[in-house]
């Protein structure tokens, strides 16, 4: 199997890497965190690079690229621990392109592609505990469409978004709706998250909404799987840079007149970090390659990937802090920010234990060498 990237994908990687290195420095990121964790100007710069249009169909002003291109972009954004939620553009564009009626696609996909609007998924509820089939939000038929009553938590950049994709119960099954921020009775409470990014709680009270699809659970599963693949790729970029910074520190820090990188015990730990990074990278590739598979196969693959990524993120981040010594937990040193980002990513879209349970539940009667 050929895992080489195409020339276009390499050029895309180089363009995003240049922007991260020159346009999204650690100092700029710290200023964005201090200002609340989201900067519309930075999101606009991603749009100018064409990244918000990457997976939008060409018929709606996008570039029509696939999951591997999105993976390449997310890896590079991970290197800079970029806060702006570009992954949400991939998630919401995918759902709208596959499930929304044509008039809704025409109204929103071109604006997502241009970066004019930020549309985010608002699916998390307190009682759900990562389960997508648990949904207390209610939708009823109203005079001009539908009305939603819901409380959704930890909505990415929720108080900055222009619209939300919201699952809700309709006639006994989960349907998916689009809710505009400007609609009546929409309220948000924004806050910073552990990694410095921004989230919000979203409250709807008989709020006007537009139906995307009545096959809401299938659409929601696709959205979350897309988000998991993006998170895996982003985490690979974070871990790659975490290893690079840590190994550079080991080569510079000296004890007893020699670099501590010469100590065998530390070399072994560094090798284990590199091994976990490469395991994570291969499973990230696997996750992105499986996004186009049938739903059951896709769900099983994405859970497998998230289990490995969760284990790798925990190991790499904890080893980086320990090998960096006391400086590893200070706000001034970038490794502490990598640690917080990887810790939060491990819990996003289902933590390792949740997905381990999913892998177990989806195992076939015969598996592995017994198949």
Protein backbone atom coordinates (compact mmCIF):
# COMPACT_ATOMS: atom_id res chain seq x y z
CA UNK A 1 0.00 0.00 0.00
CA UNK A 2 1.40 3.42 -0.97
CA UNK A 3 1.46 5.83 1.96
CA UNK A 4 3.38 8.56 0.14
CA UNK A 5 1.65 11.92 -0.04
CA UNK A 6 0.99 13.50 -3.41
CA UNK A 7 2.82 16.62 -4.55
CA UNK A 8 -0.33 18.68 -3.92
CA UNK A 9 -0.59 17.34 -0.37
CA UNK A 10 3.08 18.12 0.29
CA UNK A 11 2.55 21.67 -0.97
CA UNK A 12 -0.51 21.98 1.25
CA UNK A 13 1.52 20.78 4.23
CA UNK A 14 4.30 23.25 3.47
CA UNK A 15 1.86 26.17 3.16
CA UNK A 16 0.17 25.43 6.48
CA UNK A 17 3.53 24.86 8.19
CA UNK A 18 4.82 28.22 6.98
CA UNK A 19 1.74 29.96 8.35
CA UNK A 20 2.06 28.18 11.71
CA UNK A 21 5.77 28.99 12.00
CA UNK A 22 5.49 32.64 10.97
CA UNK A 23 1.88 33.65 11.62
CA UNK A 24 0.92 31.70 14.73
CA UNK A 25 3.84 32.03 17.10
CA UNK A 26 3.77 30.93 20.71
CA UNK A 27 3.54 34.58 21.74
CA UNK A 28 0.50 35.17 19.53
CA UNK A 29 -1.15 32.04 20.88
CA UNK A 30 -0.62 33.18 24.48
CA UNK A 31 -2.18 36.53 23.62
CA UNK A 32 -5.21 34.76 22.11
CA UNK A 33 -5.57 32.62 25.23
CA UNK A 34 -5.44 35.75 27.40
CA UNK A 35 -8.12 37.36 25.20
CA UNK A 36 -10.49 34.41 25.57
CA UNK A 37 -9.19 31.56 23.41
CA UNK A 38 -10.53 32.47 19.96
CA UNK A 39 -9.48 35.12 17.45
CA UNK A 40 -11.69 35.78 14.43
CA UNK A 41 -8.71 37.28 12.58
CA UNK A 42 -6.74 34.04 12.92
CA UNK A 43 -9.73 32.05 11.67
CA UNK A 44 -9.90 34.47 8.76
CA UNK A 45 -6.27 33.75 7.94
CA UNK A 46 -7.07 30.03 7.81
CA UNK A 47 -9.87 30.90 5.39
CA UNK A 48 -7.50 32.97 3.24
CA UNK A 49 -5.28 29.90 2.94
CA UNK A 50 -8.32 28.04 1.60
CA UNK A 51 -8.50 25.69 4.56
CA UNK A 52 -12.14 26.35 5.47
CA UNK A 53 -13.03 25.44 1.87
CA UNK A 54 -10.90 22.30 1.82
CA UNK A 55 -13.64 19.66 2.18
CA UNK A 56 -16.58 21.71 0.88
CA UNK A 57 -17.80 20.37 -2.50
CA UNK A 58 -16.68 22.34 -5.54
CA UNK A 59 -20.31 22.92 -6.49
CA UNK A 60 -20.62 25.13 -3.40
CA UNK A 61 -17.40 27.09 -3.74
CA UNK A 62 -15.10 24.62 -2.00
CA UNK A 63 -12.01 22.70 -3.04
CA UNK A 64 -13.66 19.28 -2.83
CA UNK A 65 -10.69 17.59 -1.16
CA UNK A 66 -10.85 14.50 1.02
CA UNK A 67 -10.02 13.17 4.46
CA UNK A 68 -6.29 12.76 3.82
CA UNK A 69 -5.92 16.42 2.86
CA UNK A 70 -7.77 17.39 6.04
CA UNK A 71 -5.48 15.10 8.03
CA UNK A 72 -2.39 16.81 6.59
CA UNK A 73 -3.76 20.22 7.58
CA UNK A 74 -4.71 19.15 11.10
CA UNK A 75 -1.26 17.67 11.74
CA UNK A 76 0.37 20.97 10.89
CA UNK A 77 -2.09 22.97 13.01
CA UNK A 78 -1.27 20.60 15.86
CA UNK A 79 2.40 21.56 15.61
CA UNK A 80 1.41 25.10 16.51
CA UNK A 81 -1.37 24.05 18.95
CA UNK A 82 -3.67 26.36 16.98
CA UNK A 83 -6.78 27.24 18.98
CA UNK A 84 -9.21 28.20 16.23
CA UNK A 85 -11.57 25.23 15.55
CA UNK A 86 -10.95 24.54 11.87
CA UNK A 87 -12.02 20.93 12.45
CA UNK A 88 -15.55 22.21 12.97
CA UNK A 89 -15.60 23.41 9.36
CA UNK A 90 -14.70 19.87 8.23
CA UNK A 91 -17.36 18.36 10.50
CA UNK A 92 -20.25 20.64 9.65
CA UNK A 93 -19.45 20.84 5.94
CA UNK A 94 -19.42 17.04 5.76
CA UNK A 95 -22.79 16.72 7.48
CA UNK A 96 -24.45 19.40 5.38
CA UNK A 97 -23.00 18.06 2.13
CA UNK A 98 -24.21 14.51 2.78
CA UNK A 99 -27.48 15.04 4.62
CA UNK A 100 -28.91 18.54 4.15
CA UNK A 101 -31.43 19.43 1.41
CA UNK A 102 -30.01 21.34 -1.54
CA UNK A 103 -31.42 24.72 -0.53
CA UNK A 104 -29.78 24.46 2.89
CA UNK A 105 -26.49 23.43 1.33
CA UNK A 106 -26.63 26.39 -1.05
CA UNK A 107 -27.35 28.77 1.81
CA UNK A 108 -24.54 27.68 4.13
CA UNK A 109 -21.77 25.72 2.40
CA UNK A 110 -20.41 28.65 0.33
CA UNK A 111 -20.23 30.80 3.48
CA UNK A 112 -18.48 28.03 5.43
CA UNK A 113 -16.01 27.70 2.54
CA UNK A 114 -15.23 31.41 2.50
CA UNK A 115 -14.85 31.60 6.27
CA UNK A 116 -17.65 34.13 6.44
CA UNK A 117 -19.46 32.00 9.02
CA UNK A 118 -18.38 29.57 11.71
CA UNK A 119 -20.83 26.69 12.08
CA UNK A 120 -20.17 24.27 14.95
CA UNK A 121 -21.57 20.99 16.21
CA UNK A 122 -23.47 21.24 19.50
CA UNK A 123 -24.18 17.67 20.57
CA UNK A 124 -22.84 17.19 24.11
CA UNK A 125 -25.28 16.88 27.02
CA UNK A 126 -24.41 16.31 30.67
CA UNK A 127 -26.17 12.93 30.95
CA UNK A 128 -24.87 11.54 27.66
CA UNK A 129 -21.33 10.69 28.80
CA UNK A 130 -20.08 10.42 25.18
CA UNK A 131 -23.07 8.32 24.06
CA UNK A 132 -24.58 9.73 20.87
CA UNK A 133 -27.93 7.98 21.26
CA UNK A 134 -28.64 9.76 24.57
CA UNK A 135 -30.36 13.06 23.76
CA UNK A 136 -32.81 15.01 25.90
CA UNK A 137 -33.18 17.98 23.54
CA UNK A 138 -36.68 18.23 22.08
CA UNK A 139 -37.94 19.45 18.72
CA UNK A 140 -41.53 20.18 17.79
CA UNK A 141 -43.21 21.28 14.60
CA UNK A 142 -43.81 25.05 14.60
CA UNK A 143 -45.54 27.51 12.31
CA UNK A 144 -42.44 28.26 10.27
CA UNK A 145 -40.59 24.97 10.60
CA UNK A 146 -39.39 23.57 13.90
CA UNK A 147 -38.72 24.81 17.43
CA UNK A 148 -35.95 23.41 19.64
CA UNK A 149 -35.59 23.32 23.41
CA UNK A 150 -32.16 22.16 24.52
CA UNK A 151 -29.12 22.66 26.71
CA UNK A 152 -25.84 21.66 25.07
CA UNK A 153 -22.48 21.81 26.83
CA UNK A 154 -18.85 22.33 25.82
CA UNK A 155 -19.74 23.67 22.38
CA UNK A 156 -16.52 24.60 20.60
CA UNK A 157 -16.26 28.41 20.31
CA UNK A 158 -20.01 28.39 21.00
CA UNK A 159 -20.30 32.04 21.93
CA UNK A 160 -18.40 33.02 18.77
CA UNK A 161 -20.20 30.74 16.29
CA UNK A 162 -22.71 31.99 13.73
CA UNK A 163 -24.81 28.82 13.68
CA UNK A 164 -25.07 25.42 15.34
CA UNK A 165 -25.84 21.90 14.19
CA UNK A 166 -27.97 20.45 16.99
CA UNK A 167 -29.37 16.92 17.49
CA UNK A 168 -32.82 16.72 19.12
CA UNK A 169 -35.64 14.23 19.61
CA UNK A 170 -38.36 14.49 16.97
CA UNK A 171 -41.26 12.01 16.99
CA UNK A 172 -39.27 9.54 19.07
CA UNK A 173 -36.03 9.58 17.09
CA UNK A 174 -32.98 11.81 16.84
CA UNK A 175 -33.04 14.39 14.06
CA UNK A 176 -30.44 17.02 13.18
CA UNK A 177 -31.21 20.73 12.96
CA UNK A 178 -29.44 23.94 12.05
CA UNK A 179 -29.94 26.83 14.47
CA UNK A 180 -28.76 30.34 13.68
CA UNK A 181 -27.17 32.33 16.45
CA UNK A 182 -29.36 35.30 15.52
CA UNK A 183 -32.53 33.27 16.07
CA UNK A 184 -34.85 34.07 18.96
CA UNK A 185 -34.12 32.65 22.41
CA UNK A 186 -30.54 31.55 21.76
CA UNK A 187 -28.24 32.13 24.71
CA UNK A 188 -24.62 31.12 25.25
CA UNK A 189 -22.23 31.23 28.17
CA UNK A 190 -18.62 31.21 27.04
CA UNK A 191 -15.56 30.08 28.99
CA UNK A 192 -11.98 29.03 28.47
CA UNK A 193 -11.04 25.37 28.46
CA UNK A 194 -8.03 23.60 29.92
CA UNK A 195 -5.95 23.87 26.77
CA UNK A 196 -6.63 27.58 26.33
CA UNK A 197 -9.29 27.28 23.62
CA UNK A 198 -12.87 28.51 23.95
CA UNK A 199 -16.15 26.69 24.52
CA UNK A 200 -19.66 27.59 25.63
CA UNK A 201 -22.88 26.20 26.99
CA UNK A 202 -25.76 26.67 24.55
CA UNK A 203 -29.36 27.08 25.68
CA UNK A 204 -32.35 27.03 23.34
CA UNK A 205 -35.93 27.78 24.42
CA UNK A 206 -38.45 27.02 21.66
CA UNK A 207 -35.89 28.41 19.25
CA UNK A 208 -36.64 28.41 15.50
CA UNK A 209 -34.61 25.76 13.66
CA UNK A 210 -34.23 24.28 10.19
CA UNK A 211 -34.35 20.51 9.72
CA UNK A 212 -31.21 18.98 8.22
CA UNK A 213 -32.24 15.33 8.35
CA UNK A 214 -34.51 12.97 10.27
CA UNK A 215 -31.72 10.35 10.06
CA UNK A 216 -30.04 12.23 12.85
CA UNK A 217 -28.13 9.48 14.60
CA UNK A 218 -26.37 8.33 11.42
CA UNK A 219 -25.49 11.94 10.55
CA UNK A 220 -24.28 12.59 14.10
CA UNK A 221 -22.10 9.48 14.03
CA UNK A 222 -20.50 10.68 10.80
CA UNK A 223 -19.91 14.12 12.34
CA UNK A 224 -18.26 12.69 15.45
CA UNK A 225 -16.14 10.25 13.45
CA UNK A 226 -14.93 13.13 11.30
CA UNK A 227 -14.10 15.06 14.47
CA UNK A 228 -12.23 12.06 15.92
CA UNK A 229 -10.11 11.70 12.76
CA UNK A 230 -9.30 15.43 12.88
CA UNK A 231 -8.44 15.20 16.59
CA UNK A 232 -6.16 12.22 15.94
CA UNK A 233 -4.27 14.08 13.23
CA UNK A 234 -4.04 17.21 15.37
CA UNK A 235 -2.69 15.13 18.26
CA UNK A 236 -0.01 13.61 16.03
CA UNK A 237 1.17 17.13 15.18
CA UNK A 238 1.23 18.09 18.86
CA UNK A 239 3.12 14.94 19.85
CA UNK A 240 5.59 15.34 16.99
CA UNK A 241 6.47 18.81 18.21
CA UNK A 242 6.45 17.69 21.85
CA UNK A 243 9.04 15.04 21.05
CA UNK A 244 11.15 17.50 19.04
CA UNK A 245 11.22 20.08 21.85
CA UNK A 246 11.90 17.44 24.51
CA UNK A 247 14.73 15.80 22.57
CA UNK A 248 16.28 19.19 21.91
CA UNK A 249 16.15 19.91 25.66
CA UNK A 250 17.87 16.58 26.43
CA UNK A 251 20.67 17.47 24.02
CA UNK A 252 21.18 20.93 25.56
CA UNK A 253 20.76 20.23 29.29
CA UNK A 254 24.03 19.21 30.89
CA UNK A 255 24.84 17.34 34.09
CA UNK A 256 28.23 16.09 35.26
CA UNK A 257 29.76 17.85 32.28
CA UNK A 258 27.80 15.96 29.61
CA UNK A 259 24.43 16.31 27.86
CA UNK A 260 21.76 14.34 29.69
CA UNK A 261 20.79 12.83 26.32
CA UNK A 262 23.83 10.59 26.79
CA UNK A 263 22.25 8.90 29.84
CA UNK A 264 21.01 5.48 28.83
CA UNK A 265 17.85 5.56 30.95
CA UNK A 266 16.76 8.86 29.38
CA UNK A 267 17.58 7.61 25.89
CA UNK A 268 15.30 4.63 26.48
CA UNK A 269 12.46 6.89 27.59
CA UNK A 270 12.97 9.11 24.55
CA UNK A 271 12.87 6.03 22.31
CA UNK A 272 9.60 4.95 23.93
CA UNK A 273 8.14 8.41 23.25
CA UNK A 274 9.14 8.13 19.59
CA UNK A 275 7.60 4.66 19.38
CA UNK A 276 4.30 5.90 20.82
CA UNK A 277 4.32 8.81 18.37
CA UNK A 278 4.73 6.48 15.39
CA UNK A 279 2.03 4.13 16.67
CA UNK A 280 -0.27 7.14 16.93
CA UNK A 281 0.68 8.36 13.46
CA UNK A 282 -0.13 5.02 11.83
CA UNK A 283 -3.51 4.84 13.58
CA UNK A 284 -4.28 8.42 12.58
CA UNK A 285 -3.68 7.43 8.95
CA UNK A 286 -5.94 4.42 9.52
CA UNK A 287 -8.69 6.63 10.95
CA UNK A 288 -8.64 9.05 8.01
CA UNK A 289 -8.54 6.24 5.45
CA UNK A 290 -11.59 4.61 7.04
CA UNK A 291 -13.79 7.72 7.01
CA UNK A 292 -15.21 6.66 3.67
CA UNK A 293 -15.98 3.10 4.79
CA UNK A 294 -19.48 1.78 5.59
CA UNK A 295 -20.82 3.10 8.89
CA UNK A 296 -20.22 0.02 11.05
CA UNK A 297 -16.69 -0.48 9.76
CA UNK A 298 -15.97 3.24 10.09
CA UNK A 299 -17.23 3.44 13.68
CA UNK A 300 -15.16 0.43 14.71
CA UNK A 301 -12.02 1.82 13.06
CA UNK A 302 -12.37 5.27 14.58
CA UNK A 303 -12.77 3.83 18.08
CA UNK A 304 -9.66 1.70 17.60
CA UNK A 305 -7.73 4.77 16.51
CA UNK A 306 -8.93 6.84 19.47
CA UNK A 307 -7.83 4.11 21.92
CA UNK A 308 -4.29 4.12 20.55
CA UNK A 309 -4.15 7.89 20.29
CA UNK A 310 -5.37 8.21 23.88
CA UNK A 311 -2.66 5.89 25.15
CA UNK A 312 0.02 7.64 23.11
CA UNK A 313 -1.08 11.14 24.11
CA UNK A 314 -0.97 10.26 27.79
CA UNK A 315 2.45 8.64 27.55
CA UNK A 316 4.15 11.26 25.38
CA UNK A 317 2.81 14.24 27.33
CA UNK A 318 3.67 12.81 30.74
CA UNK A 319 7.16 11.75 29.69
CA UNK A 320 7.81 15.18 28.17
CA UNK A 321 6.94 16.92 31.43
CA UNK A 322 9.07 14.53 33.48
CA UNK A 323 12.10 14.73 31.17
CA UNK A 324 11.90 18.53 31.15
CA UNK A 325 12.15 18.70 34.94
CA UNK A 326 10.57 21.55 36.88
CA UNK A 327 10.38 23.83 33.86
CA UNK A 328 8.03 21.37 32.19
CA UNK A 329 5.04 22.57 34.23
CA UNK A 330 5.63 26.31 33.94
CA UNK A 331 3.35 28.49 31.82
CA UNK A 332 6.36 30.12 30.13
CA UNK A 333 7.57 26.81 28.68
CA UNK A 334 5.71 25.42 25.69
CA UNK A 335 5.82 21.80 26.89
CA UNK A 336 3.25 22.58 29.59
CA UNK A 337 0.87 23.78 26.86
CA UNK A 338 1.45 20.63 24.82
CA UNK A 339 0.66 18.63 27.96
CA UNK A 340 -2.62 20.45 28.56
CA UNK A 341 -3.63 20.16 24.90
CA UNK A 342 -2.96 16.41 24.77
CA UNK A 343 -4.71 15.86 28.10
CA UNK A 344 -7.85 17.60 26.81
CA UNK A 345 -7.70 15.81 23.45
CA UNK A 346 -7.63 12.45 25.21
CA UNK A 347 -11.01 13.27 26.73
CA UNK A 348 -12.53 14.85 23.60
CA UNK A 349 -15.07 12.93 21.49
CA UNK A 350 -14.93 10.01 23.93
CA UNK A 351 -12.02 9.21 26.22
CA UNK A 352 -9.83 6.12 25.96
CA UNK A 353 -11.96 3.98 28.28
CA UNK A 354 -15.15 4.88 26.40
CA UNK A 355 -13.65 3.87 23.07
CA UNK A 356 -12.10 0.74 24.53
CA UNK A 357 -15.66 -0.23 25.45
CA UNK A 358 -16.79 0.62 21.91
CA UNK A 359 -14.07 -1.56 20.41
CA UNK A 360 -15.06 -4.41 22.70
CA UNK A 361 -18.76 -4.06 21.91
CA UNK A 362 -18.12 -4.00 18.16
CA UNK A 363 -15.84 -7.05 18.03
CA UNK A 364 -17.02 -9.81 15.74
CA UNK A 365 -17.83 -13.33 16.97
CA UNK A 366 -14.52 -14.36 15.47
CA UNK A 367 -11.68 -11.87 15.28
CA UNK A 368 -8.00 -11.61 14.53
CA UNK A 369 -6.22 -14.87 13.70
CA UNK A 370 -9.43 -16.83 14.34
CA UNK A 371 -11.39 -15.10 11.55
